[in-house]
Amino acid sequence: MFGAFRATPPLFGGLLWKIPWRLSTPQKRRQRKRLRLVDNVVSIVDNALKKQNLESTTKLERWKEEMLTEAEMRPKDKYTMFDRKEKRYRKGIHKLPKWTRVSQRINPPGF
């Protein structure tokens, strides 16, 4: 209770790790950069397969059909994701665990 390891007011109650409700400008910039890097890797793999006269894999073709590139995505889809438990069915992408490593490009139509 007393001494060097006594509880501080934030530890008495409430959330210790507070996540802001919106992404900061540098976080948005890094998110766009990550999306562009993924798009770049997909195009490089596709070009390499074409150069070797190999047919593209079905997974690569499916990715190109379903996923939008960073330039084609709306800002709403770049920075938020669908969540049926949220009040307006959207929450910031930074609230998703491991959001820097998981692709969240597809959302249900109309949301």
PDB file of N, CA and C in Angstrom:
ATOM      1  N   MET A   1       0.803  -1.195   0.000  1.00  0.00           N
ATOM      2  CA  MET A   1       0.000   0.000   0.000  1.00  0.00           C
ATOM      3  C   MET A   1       0.849   1.265   0.000  1.00  0.00           C
ATOM      4  N   PHE A   2       1.835   1.259   0.892  1.00  0.00           N
ATOM      5  CA  PHE A   2       2.675   2.444   0.968  1.00  0.00           C
ATOM      6  C   PHE A   2       4.049   2.125   0.406  1.00  0.00           C
ATOM      7  N   GLY A   3       4.801   3.146   0.084  1.00  0.00           N
ATOM      8  CA  GLY A   3       6.147   2.923  -0.392  1.00  0.00           C
ATOM      9  C   GLY A   3       6.272   3.114  -1.894  1.00  0.00           C
ATOM     10  N   ALA A   4       7.275   2.469  -2.454  1.00  0.00           N
ATOM     11  CA  ALA A   4       7.597   2.664  -3.865  1.00  0.00           C
ATOM     12  C   ALA A   4       6.551   2.075  -4.793  1.00  0.00           C
ATOM     13  N   PHE A   5       5.843   1.021  -4.345  1.00  0.00           N
ATOM     14  CA  PHE A   5       4.910   0.335  -5.234  1.00  0.00           C
ATOM     15  C   PHE A   5       3.455   0.585  -4.866  1.00  0.00           C
ATOM     16  N   ARG A   6       3.159   1.734  -4.330  1.00  0.00           N
ATOM     17  CA  ARG A   6       1.768   2.019  -3.977  1.00  0.00           C
ATOM     18  C   ARG A   6       0.953   2.303  -5.242  1.00  0.00           C
ATOM     19  N   ALA A   7      -0.332   2.062  -5.183  1.00  0.00           N
ATOM     20  CA  ALA A   7      -1.213   2.247  -6.334  1.00  0.00           C
ATOM     21  C   ALA A   7      -1.379   3.732  -6.636  1.00  0.00           C
ATOM     22  N   THR A   8      -1.326   4.062  -7.885  1.00  0.00           N
ATOM     23  CA  THR A   8      -1.522   5.443  -8.317  1.00  0.00           C
ATOM     24  C   THR A   8      -2.988   5.625  -8.707  1.00  0.00           C
ATOM     25  N   PRO A   9      -3.477   6.860  -8.801  1.00  0.00           N
ATOM     26  CA  PRO A   9      -4.897   7.076  -9.138  1.00  0.00           C
ATOM     27  C   PRO A   9      -5.357   6.371 -10.420  1.00  0.00           C
ATOM     28  N   PRO A  10      -4.563   6.331 -11.506  1.00  0.00           N
ATOM     29  CA  PRO A  10      -5.050   5.591 -12.673  1.00  0.00           C
ATOM     30  C   PRO A  10      -5.231   4.103 -12.397  1.00  0.00           C
ATOM     31  N   LEU A  11      -4.442   3.560 -11.474  1.00  0.00           N
ATOM     32  CA  LEU A  11      -4.562   2.131 -11.177  1.00  0.00           C
ATOM     33  C   LEU A  11      -5.748   1.823 -10.258  1.00  0.00           C
ATOM     34  N   PHE A  12      -6.237   2.823  -9.537  1.00  0.00           N
ATOM     35  CA  PHE A  12      -7.362   2.576  -8.645  1.00  0.00           C
ATOM     36  C   PHE A  12      -8.629   2.210  -9.414  1.00  0.00           C
ATOM     37  N   GLY A  13      -8.791   2.762 -10.563  1.00  0.00           N
ATOM     38  CA  GLY A  13     -10.003   2.469 -11.331  1.00  0.00           C
ATOM     39  C   GLY A  13      -9.894   3.017 -12.732  1.00  0.00           C
ATOM     40  N   GLY A  14     -10.755   2.540 -13.592  1.00  0.00           N
ATOM     41  CA  GLY A  14     -10.748   3.004 -14.967  1.00  0.00           C
ATOM     42  C   GLY A  14      -9.787   2.220 -15.820  1.00  0.00           C
ATOM     43  N   LEU A  15      -9.744   2.584 -17.057  1.00  0.00           N
ATOM     44  CA  LEU A  15      -8.919   1.907 -18.035  1.00  0.00           C
ATOM     45  C   LEU A  15      -7.481   2.398 -17.925  1.00  0.00           C
ATOM     46  N   LEU A  16      -6.544   1.480 -17.824  1.00  0.00           N
ATOM     47  CA  LEU A  16      -5.159   1.885 -17.706  1.00  0.00           C
ATOM     48  C   LEU A  16      -4.587   2.278 -19.067  1.00  0.00           C
ATOM     49  N   TRP A  17      -4.844   1.442 -20.090  1.00  0.00           N
ATOM     50  CA  TRP A  17      -4.340   1.727 -21.425  1.00  0.00           C
ATOM     51  C   TRP A  17      -5.450   2.365 -22.242  1.00  0.00           C
ATOM     52  N   LYS A  18      -5.416   3.647 -22.351  1.00  0.00           N
ATOM     53  CA  LYS A  18      -6.482   4.356 -23.053  1.00  0.00           C
ATOM     54  C   LYS A  18      -6.140   4.437 -24.546  1.00  0.00           C
ATOM     55  N   ILE A  19      -7.096   4.074 -25.379  1.00  0.00           N
ATOM     56  CA  ILE A  19      -6.927   4.148 -26.822  1.00  0.00           C
ATOM     57  C   ILE A  19      -7.741   5.339 -27.312  1.00  0.00           C
ATOM     58  N   PRO A  20      -7.133   6.299 -27.994  1.00  0.00           N
ATOM     59  CA  PRO A  20      -7.916   7.429 -28.502  1.00  0.00           C
ATOM     60  C   PRO A  20      -8.952   6.960 -29.518  1.00  0.00           C
ATOM     61  N   TRP A  21     -10.039   7.679 -29.630  1.00  0.00           N
ATOM     62  CA  TRP A  21     -11.148   7.221 -30.469  1.00  0.00           C
ATOM     63  C   TRP A  21     -10.896   7.434 -31.947  1.00  0.00           C
ATOM     64  N   ARG A  22      -9.889   8.232 -32.299  1.00  0.00           N
ATOM     65  CA  ARG A  22      -9.586   8.412 -33.717  1.00  0.00           C
ATOM     66  C   ARG A  22      -8.087   8.260 -33.946  1.00  0.00           C
ATOM     67  N   LEU A  23      -7.748   7.877 -35.171  1.00  0.00           N
ATOM     68  CA  LEU A  23      -6.348   7.723 -35.546  1.00  0.00           C
ATOM     69  C   LEU A  23      -5.677   9.081 -35.681  1.00  0.00           C
ATOM     70  N   SER A  24      -4.425   9.151 -35.301  1.00  0.00           N
ATOM     71  CA  SER A  24      -3.676  10.389 -35.489  1.00  0.00           C
ATOM     72  C   SER A  24      -3.212  10.462 -36.950  1.00  0.00           C
ATOM     73  N   THR A  25      -2.769  11.625 -37.356  1.00  0.00           N
ATOM     74  CA  THR A  25      -2.304  11.820 -38.736  1.00  0.00           C
ATOM     75  C   THR A  25      -1.128  10.908 -39.079  1.00  0.00           C
ATOM     76  N   PRO A  26      -0.107  10.766 -38.204  1.00  0.00           N
ATOM     77  CA  PRO A  26       0.974   9.830 -38.544  1.00  0.00           C
ATOM     78  C   PRO A  26       0.510   8.376 -38.627  1.00  0.00           C
ATOM     79  N   GLN A  27      -0.454   7.985 -37.794  1.00  0.00           N
ATOM     80  CA  GLN A  27      -0.984   6.619 -37.874  1.00  0.00           C
ATOM     81  C   GLN A  27      -1.685   6.400 -39.209  1.00  0.00           C
ATOM     82  N   LYS A  28      -2.434   7.395 -39.659  1.00  0.00           N
ATOM     83  CA  LYS A  28      -3.107   7.290 -40.958  1.00  0.00           C
ATOM     84  C   LYS A  28      -2.089   7.191 -42.086  1.00  0.00           C
ATOM     85  N   ARG A  29      -1.025   7.974 -42.010  1.00  0.00           N
ATOM     86  CA  ARG A  29       0.008   7.932 -43.036  1.00  0.00           C
ATOM     87  C   ARG A  29       0.667   6.552 -43.087  1.00  0.00           C
ATOM     88  N   ARG A  30       0.968   5.994 -41.915  1.00  0.00           N
ATOM     89  CA  ARG A  30       1.578   4.661 -41.878  1.00  0.00           C
ATOM     90  C   ARG A  30       0.618   3.589 -42.373  1.00  0.00           C
ATOM     91  N   GLN A  31      -0.677   3.747 -42.090  1.00  0.00           N
ATOM     92  CA  GLN A  31      -1.677   2.782 -42.580  1.00  0.00           C
ATOM     93  C   GLN A  31      -1.745   2.808 -44.104  1.00  0.00           C
ATOM     94  N   ARG A  32      -1.753   4.012 -44.700  1.00  0.00           N
ATOM     95  CA  ARG A  32      -1.763   4.118 -46.163  1.00  0.00           C
ATOM     96  C   ARG A  32      -0.493   3.506 -46.756  1.00  0.00           C
ATOM     97  N   LYS A  33       0.636   3.737 -46.095  1.00  0.00           N
ATOM     98  CA  LYS A  33       1.890   3.168 -46.574  1.00  0.00           C
ATOM     99  C   LYS A  33       1.854   1.643 -46.520  1.00  0.00           C
ATOM    100  N   ARG A  34       1.306   1.069 -45.448  1.00  0.00           N
ATOM    101  CA  ARG A  34       1.185  -0.393 -45.349  1.00  0.00           C
ATOM    102  C   ARG A  34       0.304  -0.941 -46.452  1.00  0.00           C
ATOM    103  N   LEU A  35      -0.811  -0.271 -46.738  1.00  0.00           N
ATOM    104  CA  LEU A  35      -1.708  -0.725 -47.802  1.00  0.00           C
ATOM    105  C   LEU A  35      -0.995  -0.688 -49.157  1.00  0.00           C
ATOM    106  N   ARG A  36      -0.238   0.395 -49.408  1.00  0.00           N
ATOM    107  CA  ARG A  36       0.491   0.493 -50.677  1.00  0.00           C
ATOM    108  C   ARG A  36       1.575  -0.570 -50.795  1.00  0.00           C
ATOM    109  N   LEU A  37       2.247  -0.887 -49.678  1.00  0.00           N
ATOM    110  CA  LEU A  37       3.273  -1.928 -49.706  1.00  0.00           C
ATOM    111  C   LEU A  37       2.676  -3.288 -50.057  1.00  0.00           C
ATOM    112  N   VAL A  38       1.501  -3.587 -49.504  1.00  0.00           N
ATOM    113  CA  VAL A  38       0.839  -4.855 -49.826  1.00  0.00           C
ATOM    114  C   VAL A  38       0.456  -4.876 -51.302  1.00  0.00           C
ATOM    115  N   ASP A  39      -0.081  -3.770 -51.799  1.00  0.00           N
ATOM    116  CA  ASP A  39      -0.424  -3.685 -53.223  1.00  0.00           C
ATOM    117  C   ASP A  39       0.809  -3.881 -54.101  1.00  0.00           C
ATOM    118  N   ASN A  40       1.922  -3.316 -53.663  1.00  0.00           N
ATOM    119  CA  ASN A  40       3.168  -3.445 -54.410  1.00  0.00           C
ATOM    120  C   ASN A  40       3.646  -4.898 -54.448  1.00  0.00           C
ATOM    121  N   VAL A  41       3.567  -5.600 -53.321  1.00  0.00           N
ATOM    122  CA  VAL A  41       3.983  -7.009 -53.272  1.00  0.00           C
ATOM    123  C   VAL A  41       3.106  -7.854 -54.189  1.00  0.00           C
ATOM    124  N   VAL A  42       1.803  -7.604 -54.182  1.00  0.00           N
ATOM    125  CA  VAL A  42       0.887  -8.366 -55.042  1.00  0.00           C
ATOM    126  C   VAL A  42       1.224  -8.138 -56.507  1.00  0.00           C
ATOM    127  N   SER A  43       1.497  -6.892 -56.884  1.00  0.00           N
ATOM    128  CA  SER A  43       1.824  -6.624 -58.289  1.00  0.00           C
ATOM    129  C   SER A  43       3.177  -7.232 -58.686  1.00  0.00           C
ATOM    130  N   ILE A  44       4.148  -7.216 -57.779  1.00  0.00           N
ATOM    131  CA  ILE A  44       5.462  -7.813 -58.078  1.00  0.00           C
ATOM    132  C   ILE A  44       5.332  -9.317 -58.280  1.00  0.00           C
ATOM    133  N   VAL A  45       4.580  -9.982 -57.409  1.00  0.00           N
ATOM    134  CA  VAL A  45       4.391 -11.431 -57.552  1.00  0.00           C
ATOM    135  C   VAL A  45       3.671 -11.744 -58.854  1.00  0.00           C
ATOM    136  N   ASP A  46       2.658 -10.948 -59.184  1.00  0.00           N
ATOM    137  CA  ASP A  46       1.913 -11.169 -60.420  1.00  0.00           C
ATOM    138  C   ASP A  46       2.814 -10.977 -61.642  1.00  0.00           C
ATOM    139  N   ASN A  47       3.637  -9.930 -61.645  1.00  0.00           N
ATOM    140  CA  ASN A  47       4.555  -9.690 -62.764  1.00  0.00           C
ATOM    141  C   ASN A  47       5.599 -10.793 -62.886  1.00  0.00           C
ATOM    142  N   ALA A  48       6.095 -11.278 -61.752  1.00  0.00           N
ATOM    143  CA  ALA A  48       7.097 -12.344 -61.787  1.00  0.00           C
ATOM    144  C   ALA A  48       6.501 -13.620 -62.368  1.00  0.00           C
ATOM    145  N   LEU A  49       5.266 -13.923 -62.023  1.00  0.00           N
ATOM    146  CA  LEU A  49       4.611 -15.116 -62.569  1.00  0.00           C
ATOM    147  C   LEU A  49       4.370 -14.963 -64.068  1.00  0.00           C
ATOM    148  N   LYS A  50       4.036 -13.750 -64.515  1.00  0.00           N
ATOM    149  CA  LYS A  50       3.823 -13.520 -65.948  1.00  0.00           C
ATOM    150  C   LYS A  50       5.131 -13.640 -66.731  1.00  0.00           C
ATOM    151  N   LYS A  51       6.235 -13.152 -66.147  1.00  0.00           N
ATOM    152  CA  LYS A  51       7.532 -13.234 -66.825  1.00  0.00           C
ATOM    153  C   LYS A  51       7.971 -14.677 -67.027  1.00  0.00           C
ATOM    154  N   GLN A  52       7.669 -15.516 -66.057  1.00  0.00           N
ATOM    155  CA  GLN A  52       8.072 -16.925 -66.148  1.00  0.00           C
ATOM    156  C   GLN A  52       7.047 -17.767 -66.900  1.00  0.00           C
ATOM    157  N   ASN A  53       6.056 -17.112 -67.477  1.00  0.00           N
ATOM    158  CA  ASN A  53       4.976 -17.776 -68.213  1.00  0.00           C
ATOM    159  C   ASN A  53       4.264 -18.826 -67.370  1.00  0.00           C
ATOM    160  N   LEU A  54       4.154 -18.555 -66.094  1.00  0.00           N
ATOM    161  CA  LEU A  54       3.396 -19.432 -65.200  1.00  0.00           C
ATOM    162  C   LEU A  54       2.027 -18.821 -64.986  1.00  0.00           C
ATOM    163  N   GLU A  55       1.057 -19.657 -64.792  1.00  0.00           N
ATOM    164  CA  GLU A  55      -0.271 -19.133 -64.504  1.00  0.00           C
ATOM    165  C   GLU A  55      -0.317 -18.653 -63.062  1.00  0.00           C
ATOM    166  N   SER A  56      -1.062 -17.607 -62.841  1.00  0.00           N
ATOM    167  CA  SER A  56      -1.204 -17.088 -61.491  1.00  0.00           C
ATOM    168  C   SER A  56      -1.943 -18.097 -60.625  1.00  0.00           C
ATOM    169  N   THR A  57      -1.630 -18.056 -59.367  1.00  0.00           N
ATOM    170  CA  THR A  57      -2.332 -18.946 -58.456  1.00  0.00           C
ATOM    171  C   THR A  57      -3.756 -18.440 -58.260  1.00  0.00           C
ATOM    172  N   THR A  58      -4.623 -19.313 -57.843  1.00  0.00           N
ATOM    173  CA  THR A  58      -6.023 -18.915 -57.641  1.00  0.00           C
ATOM    174  C   THR A  58      -6.142 -17.915 -56.503  1.00  0.00           C
ATOM    175  N   LYS A  59      -5.286 -18.048 -55.492  1.00  0.00           N
ATOM    176  CA  LYS A  59      -5.355 -17.106 -54.373  1.00  0.00           C
ATOM    177  C   LYS A  59      -4.965 -15.696 -54.810  1.00  0.00           C
ATOM    178  N   LEU A  60      -3.969 -15.590 -55.679  1.00  0.00           N
ATOM    179  CA  LEU A  60      -3.563 -14.278 -56.174  1.00  0.00           C
ATOM    180  C   LEU A  60      -4.657 -13.664 -57.037  1.00  0.00           C
ATOM    181  N   GLU A  61      -5.263 -14.467 -57.890  1.00  0.00           N
ATOM    182  CA  GLU A  61      -6.363 -13.973 -58.726  1.00  0.00           C
ATOM    183  C   GLU A  61      -7.543 -13.529 -57.869  1.00  0.00           C
ATOM    184  N   ARG A  62      -7.840 -14.300 -56.843  1.00  0.00           N
ATOM    185  CA  ARG A  62      -8.956 -13.943 -55.961  1.00  0.00           C
ATOM    186  C   ARG A  62      -8.655 -12.640 -55.233  1.00  0.00           C
ATOM    187  N   TRP A  63      -7.415 -12.472 -54.785  1.00  0.00           N
ATOM    188  CA  TRP A  63      -7.024 -11.227 -54.102  1.00  0.00           C
ATOM    189  C   TRP A  63      -7.240 -10.035 -55.024  1.00  0.00           C
ATOM    190  N   LYS A  64      -6.792 -10.157 -56.280  1.00  0.00           N
ATOM    191  CA  LYS A  64      -6.912  -9.038 -57.213  1.00  0.00           C
ATOM    192  C   LYS A  64      -8.369  -8.730 -57.549  1.00  0.00           C
ATOM    193  N   GLU A  65      -9.224  -9.744 -57.565  1.00  0.00           N
ATOM    194  CA  GLU A  65     -10.636  -9.515 -57.856  1.00  0.00           C
ATOM    195  C   GLU A  65     -11.369  -8.876 -56.684  1.00  0.00           C
ATOM    196  N   GLU A  66     -11.132  -9.363 -55.481  1.00  0.00           N
ATOM    197  CA  GLU A  66     -11.926  -8.956 -54.322  1.00  0.00           C
ATOM    198  C   GLU A  66     -11.399  -7.711 -53.621  1.00  0.00           C
ATOM    199  N   MET A  67     -10.087  -7.603 -53.507  1.00  0.00           N
ATOM    200  CA  MET A  67      -9.513  -6.519 -52.717  1.00  0.00           C
ATOM    201  C   MET A  67      -9.285  -5.279 -53.568  1.00  0.00           C
ATOM    202  N   LEU A  68      -9.617  -4.146 -52.999  1.00  0.00           N
ATOM    203  CA  LEU A  68      -9.364  -2.875 -53.660  1.00  0.00           C
ATOM    204  C   LEU A  68      -7.941  -2.436 -53.374  1.00  0.00           C
ATOM    205  N   THR A  69      -7.369  -1.696 -54.290  1.00  0.00           N
ATOM    206  CA  THR A  69      -6.049  -1.125 -54.014  1.00  0.00           C
ATOM    207  C   THR A  69      -6.222   0.081 -53.099  1.00  0.00           C
ATOM    208  N   GLU A  70      -5.119   0.570 -52.575  1.00  0.00           N
ATOM    209  CA  GLU A  70      -5.189   1.695 -51.639  1.00  0.00           C
ATOM    210  C   GLU A  70      -5.790   2.922 -52.315  1.00  0.00           C
ATOM    211  N   ALA A  71      -5.485   3.136 -53.581  1.00  0.00           N
ATOM    212  CA  ALA A  71      -6.005   4.302 -54.295  1.00  0.00           C
ATOM    213  C   ALA A  71      -7.518   4.193 -54.535  1.00  0.00           C
ATOM    214  N   GLU A  72      -8.028   2.970 -54.662  1.00  0.00           N
ATOM    215  CA  GLU A  72      -9.457   2.775 -54.935  1.00  0.00           C
ATOM    216  C   GLU A  72     -10.310   2.803 -53.670  1.00  0.00           C
ATOM    217  N   MET A  73      -9.684   2.622 -52.512  1.00  0.00           N
ATOM    218  CA  MET A  73     -10.444   2.555 -51.260  1.00  0.00           C
ATOM    219  C   MET A  73     -10.914   3.932 -50.819  1.00  0.00           C
ATOM    220  N   ARG A  74     -12.100   3.950 -50.203  1.00  0.00           N
ATOM    221  CA  ARG A  74     -12.585   5.176 -49.591  1.00  0.00           C
ATOM    222  C   ARG A  74     -11.872   5.381 -48.252  1.00  0.00           C
ATOM    223  N   PRO A  75     -11.700   6.616 -47.813  1.00  0.00           N
ATOM    224  CA  PRO A  75     -11.063   6.839 -46.510  1.00  0.00           C
ATOM    225  C   PRO A  75     -11.788   6.123 -45.379  1.00  0.00           C
ATOM    226  N   LYS A  76     -13.105   6.042 -45.483  1.00  0.00           N
ATOM    227  CA  LYS A  76     -13.895   5.353 -44.466  1.00  0.00           C
ATOM    228  C   LYS A  76     -13.453   3.899 -44.324  1.00  0.00           C
ATOM    229  N   ASP A  77     -13.106   3.267 -45.452  1.00  0.00           N
ATOM    230  CA  ASP A  77     -12.682   1.872 -45.415  1.00  0.00           C
ATOM    231  C   ASP A  77     -11.215   1.712 -45.029  1.00  0.00           C
ATOM    232  N   LYS A  78     -10.417   2.741 -45.256  1.00  0.00           N
ATOM    233  CA  LYS A  78      -9.004   2.652 -44.898  1.00  0.00           C
ATOM    234  C   LYS A  78      -8.800   2.702 -43.390  1.00  0.00           C
ATOM    235  N   TYR A  79      -9.596   3.511 -42.715  1.00  0.00           N
ATOM    236  CA  TYR A  79      -9.336   3.800 -41.306  1.00  0.00           C
ATOM    237  C   TYR A  79     -10.367   3.232 -40.346  1.00  0.00           C
ATOM    238  N   THR A  80     -11.468   2.693 -40.841  1.00  0.00           N
ATOM    239  CA  THR A  80     -12.470   2.094 -39.958  1.00  0.00           C
ATOM    240  C   THR A  80     -12.830   0.714 -40.459  1.00  0.00           C
ATOM    241  N   MET A  81     -13.471  -0.062 -39.594  1.00  0.00           N
ATOM    242  CA  MET A  81     -13.904  -1.402 -39.973  1.00  0.00           C
ATOM    243  C   MET A  81     -15.299  -1.654 -39.430  1.00  0.00           C
ATOM    244  N   PHE A  82     -15.979  -2.596 -40.031  1.00  0.00           N
ATOM    245  CA  PHE A  82     -17.331  -2.941 -39.619  1.00  0.00           C
ATOM    246  C   PHE A  82     -17.296  -3.685 -38.297  1.00  0.00           C
ATOM    247  N   ASP A  83     -18.210  -3.323 -37.405  1.00  0.00           N
ATOM    248  CA  ASP A  83     -18.380  -4.037 -36.143  1.00  0.00           C
ATOM    249  C   ASP A  83     -19.852  -3.982 -35.777  1.00  0.00           C
ATOM    250  N   ARG A  84     -20.495  -5.133 -35.750  1.00  0.00           N
ATOM    251  CA  ARG A  84     -21.938  -5.145 -35.520  1.00  0.00           C
ATOM    252  C   ARG A  84     -22.315  -4.725 -34.106  1.00  0.00           C
ATOM    253  N   LYS A  85     -21.364  -4.718 -33.182  1.00  0.00           N
ATOM    254  CA  LYS A  85     -21.671  -4.339 -31.803  1.00  0.00           C
ATOM    255  C   LYS A  85     -21.573  -2.836 -31.564  1.00  0.00           C
ATOM    256  N   GLU A  86     -20.998  -2.115 -32.493  1.00  0.00           N
ATOM    257  CA  GLU A  86     -20.848  -0.666 -32.333  1.00  0.00           C
ATOM    258  C   GLU A  86     -22.160   0.046 -32.653  1.00  0.00           C
ATOM    259  N   LYS A  87     -22.304   1.244 -32.122  1.00  0.00           N
ATOM    260  CA  LYS A  87     -23.535   2.009 -32.296  1.00  0.00           C
ATOM    261  C   LYS A  87     -23.825   2.321 -33.762  1.00  0.00           C
ATOM    262  N   ARG A  88     -22.816   2.783 -34.493  1.00  0.00           N
ATOM    263  CA  ARG A  88     -23.006   3.108 -35.908  1.00  0.00           C
ATOM    264  C   ARG A  88     -22.343   2.082 -36.818  1.00  0.00           C
ATOM    265  N   TYR A  89     -22.086   0.889 -36.293  1.00  0.00           N
ATOM    266  CA  TYR A  89     -21.544  -0.260 -37.035  1.00  0.00           C
ATOM    267  C   TYR A  89     -20.138  -0.055 -37.575  1.00  0.00           C
ATOM    268  N   ARG A  90     -19.428   0.917 -37.095  1.00  0.00           N
ATOM    269  CA  ARG A  90     -18.051   1.163 -37.512  1.00  0.00           C
ATOM    270  C   ARG A  90     -17.219   1.447 -36.281  1.00  0.00           C
ATOM    271  N   LYS A  91     -15.963   0.990 -36.303  1.00  0.00           N
ATOM    272  CA  LYS A  91     -15.029   1.400 -35.260  1.00  0.00           C
ATOM    273  C   LYS A  91     -13.664   1.612 -35.896  1.00  0.00           C
ATOM    274  N   GLY A  92     -12.834   2.387 -35.220  1.00  0.00           N
ATOM    275  CA  GLY A  92     -11.513   2.678 -35.740  1.00  0.00           C
ATOM    276  C   GLY A  92     -10.698   1.409 -35.918  1.00  0.00           C
ATOM    277  N   ILE A  93      -9.951   1.353 -37.008  1.00  0.00           N
ATOM    278  CA  ILE A  93      -9.188   0.148 -37.318  1.00  0.00           C
ATOM    279  C   ILE A  93      -8.118  -0.102 -36.261  1.00  0.00           C
ATOM    280  N   HIS A  94      -7.688   0.943 -35.552  1.00  0.00           N
ATOM    281  CA  HIS A  94      -6.649   0.778 -34.546  1.00  0.00           C
ATOM    282  C   HIS A  94      -7.159   0.068 -33.293  1.00  0.00           C
ATOM    283  N   LYS A  95      -8.453  -0.152 -33.185  1.00  0.00           N
ATOM    284  CA  LYS A  95      -8.999  -0.888 -32.033  1.00  0.00           C
ATOM    285  C   LYS A  95      -9.000  -2.394 -32.276  1.00  0.00           C
ATOM    286  N   LEU A  96      -8.690  -2.810 -33.489  1.00  0.00           N
ATOM    287  CA  LEU A  96      -8.578  -4.227 -33.818  1.00  0.00           C
ATOM    288  C   LEU A  96      -7.232  -4.750 -33.313  1.00  0.00           C
ATOM    289  N   PRO A  97      -7.219  -5.877 -32.599  1.00  0.00           N
ATOM    290  CA  PRO A  97      -5.925  -6.412 -32.174  1.00  0.00           C
ATOM    291  C   PRO A  97      -5.057  -6.747 -33.388  1.00  0.00           C
ATOM    292  N   LYS A  98      -3.792  -6.436 -33.303  1.00  0.00           N
ATOM    293  CA  LYS A  98      -2.825  -6.687 -34.379  1.00  0.00           C
ATOM    294  C   LYS A  98      -3.243  -6.002 -35.677  1.00  0.00           C
ATOM    295  N   TRP A  99      -3.765  -4.794 -35.589  1.00  0.00           N
ATOM    296  CA  TRP A  99      -4.304  -4.109 -36.759  1.00  0.00           C
ATOM    297  C   TRP A  99      -3.251  -3.756 -37.784  1.00  0.00           C
ATOM    298  N   THR A 100      -1.986  -3.758 -37.416  1.00  0.00           N
ATOM    299  CA  THR A 100      -0.948  -3.458 -38.399  1.00  0.00           C
ATOM    300  C   THR A 100      -0.585  -4.678 -39.228  1.00  0.00           C
ATOM    301  N   ARG A 101      -1.043  -5.869 -38.816  1.00  0.00           N
ATOM    302  CA  ARG A 101      -0.668  -7.090 -39.529  1.00  0.00           C
ATOM    303  C   ARG A 101      -1.845  -7.776 -40.214  1.00  0.00           C
ATOM    304  N   VAL A 102      -3.065  -7.318 -39.968  1.00  0.00           N
ATOM    305  CA  VAL A 102      -4.256  -7.964 -40.508  1.00  0.00           C
ATOM    306  C   VAL A 102      -4.863  -7.070 -41.581  1.00  0.00           C
ATOM    307  N   SER A 103      -5.227  -7.669 -42.697  1.00  0.00           N
ATOM    308  CA  SER A 103      -5.836  -6.886 -43.765  1.00  0.00           C
ATOM    309  C   SER A 103      -7.331  -6.742 -43.517  1.00  0.00           C
ATOM    310  N   GLN A 104      -7.820  -5.520 -43.488  1.00  0.00           N
ATOM    311  CA  GLN A 104      -9.242  -5.240 -43.307  1.00  0.00           C
ATOM    312  C   GLN A 104      -9.716  -4.373 -44.461  1.00  0.00           C
ATOM    313  N   ARG A 105      -9.772  -4.923 -45.656  1.00  0.00           N
ATOM    314  CA  ARG A 105     -10.149  -4.120 -46.814  1.00  0.00           C
ATOM    315  C   ARG A 105     -11.599  -4.313 -47.207  1.00  0.00           C
ATOM    316  N   ILE A 106     -12.210  -5.413 -46.808  1.00  0.00           N
ATOM    317  CA  ILE A 106     -13.566  -5.713 -47.234  1.00  0.00           C
ATOM    318  C   ILE A 106     -14.528  -5.509 -46.080  1.00  0.00           C
ATOM    319  N   ASN A 107     -15.577  -4.737 -46.334  1.00  0.00           N
ATOM    320  CA  ASN A 107     -16.624  -4.516 -45.358  1.00  0.00           C
ATOM    321  C   ASN A 107     -17.955  -4.892 -45.986  1.00  0.00           C
ATOM    322  N   PRO A 108     -18.965  -5.213 -45.190  1.00  0.00           N
ATOM    323  CA  PRO A 108     -20.264  -5.558 -45.782  1.00  0.00           C
ATOM    324  C   PRO A 108     -20.813  -4.406 -46.615  1.00  0.00           C
ATOM    325  N   PRO A 109     -21.530  -4.713 -47.695  1.00  0.00           N
ATOM    326  CA  PRO A 109     -22.093  -3.635 -48.525  1.00  0.00           C
ATOM    327  C   PRO A 109     -23.072  -2.783 -47.736  1.00  0.00           C
ATOM    328  N   GLY A 110     -23.003  -1.494 -47.953  1.00  0.00           N
ATOM    329  CA  GLY A 110     -23.916  -0.581 -47.269  1.00  0.00           C
ATOM    330  C   GLY A 110     -23.411  -0.065 -45.951  1.00  0.00           C
ATOM    331  N   PHE A 111     -22.290  -0.559 -45.479  1.00  0.00           N
ATOM    332  CA  PHE A 111     -21.735  -0.091 -44.203  1.00  0.00           C
ATOM    333  C   PHE A 111     -20.403   0.528 -44.459  1.00  0.00           C
TER     334      PHE A 111
END
